[in-house]
Amino acid sequence: METIDPAKGDRQNADVFADGALKRIVSVATALGFGTALGSLACLGRGATHGFDFQWRWRALLWAAVGAAAGANFWRLAWRAERKATPKARARFVRYSVLMLIGAFAAFAYPMRFIADEHRGDVYFGLALAIAVLTCLGLLVFRVAKWFTDNDALNKTE
């Protein structure tokens, strides 16, 4: 477990994931989340009278397994990159992370194909507005966190 001496601010035994149980919990939770997300996307289909319907399809099991494997593999690569600390392991993890990011965007965009043509403009406008607001909020949180960090460092030097 990580212990920090408040007087010195240094870290001792910094490996929070030294406990194998915590690694399993994180891996299983991520695998369940990714598996559920991809499995539910596989159950989406075009509705007869409206945008889309959610119906059980057997291919959902395949996509749930793909998502679960991808989620578990993410953490396996992350811990390997941390443990080995080689440029090759880090590059592999970064490539996989980029691939996962592209997959996340695809999973987000996939249901948009079921939007009725007459509503598509409104949905895209709302999406652009949400992206703008979340970007501004993210920038605000980043700036406040940076200010606190800078202020804390300034107080330690005095």
Foldseek 3Di string as FASTA:
>chain_A
DWDADVVVRDIDPPPPCPDVVVLVVQLQVQLQVQLVLQLQLVQWDADPPAQIDRHDDPCSNVRSNVRSVLSNVLSVLVVVCVVVVDPVSVVVNVVSVVVVVVVVVCSVCSSLVSHDPVCNVVVVVVVVVVVVVVVVVVVVVVVVVVVVVVVVVVVVVD
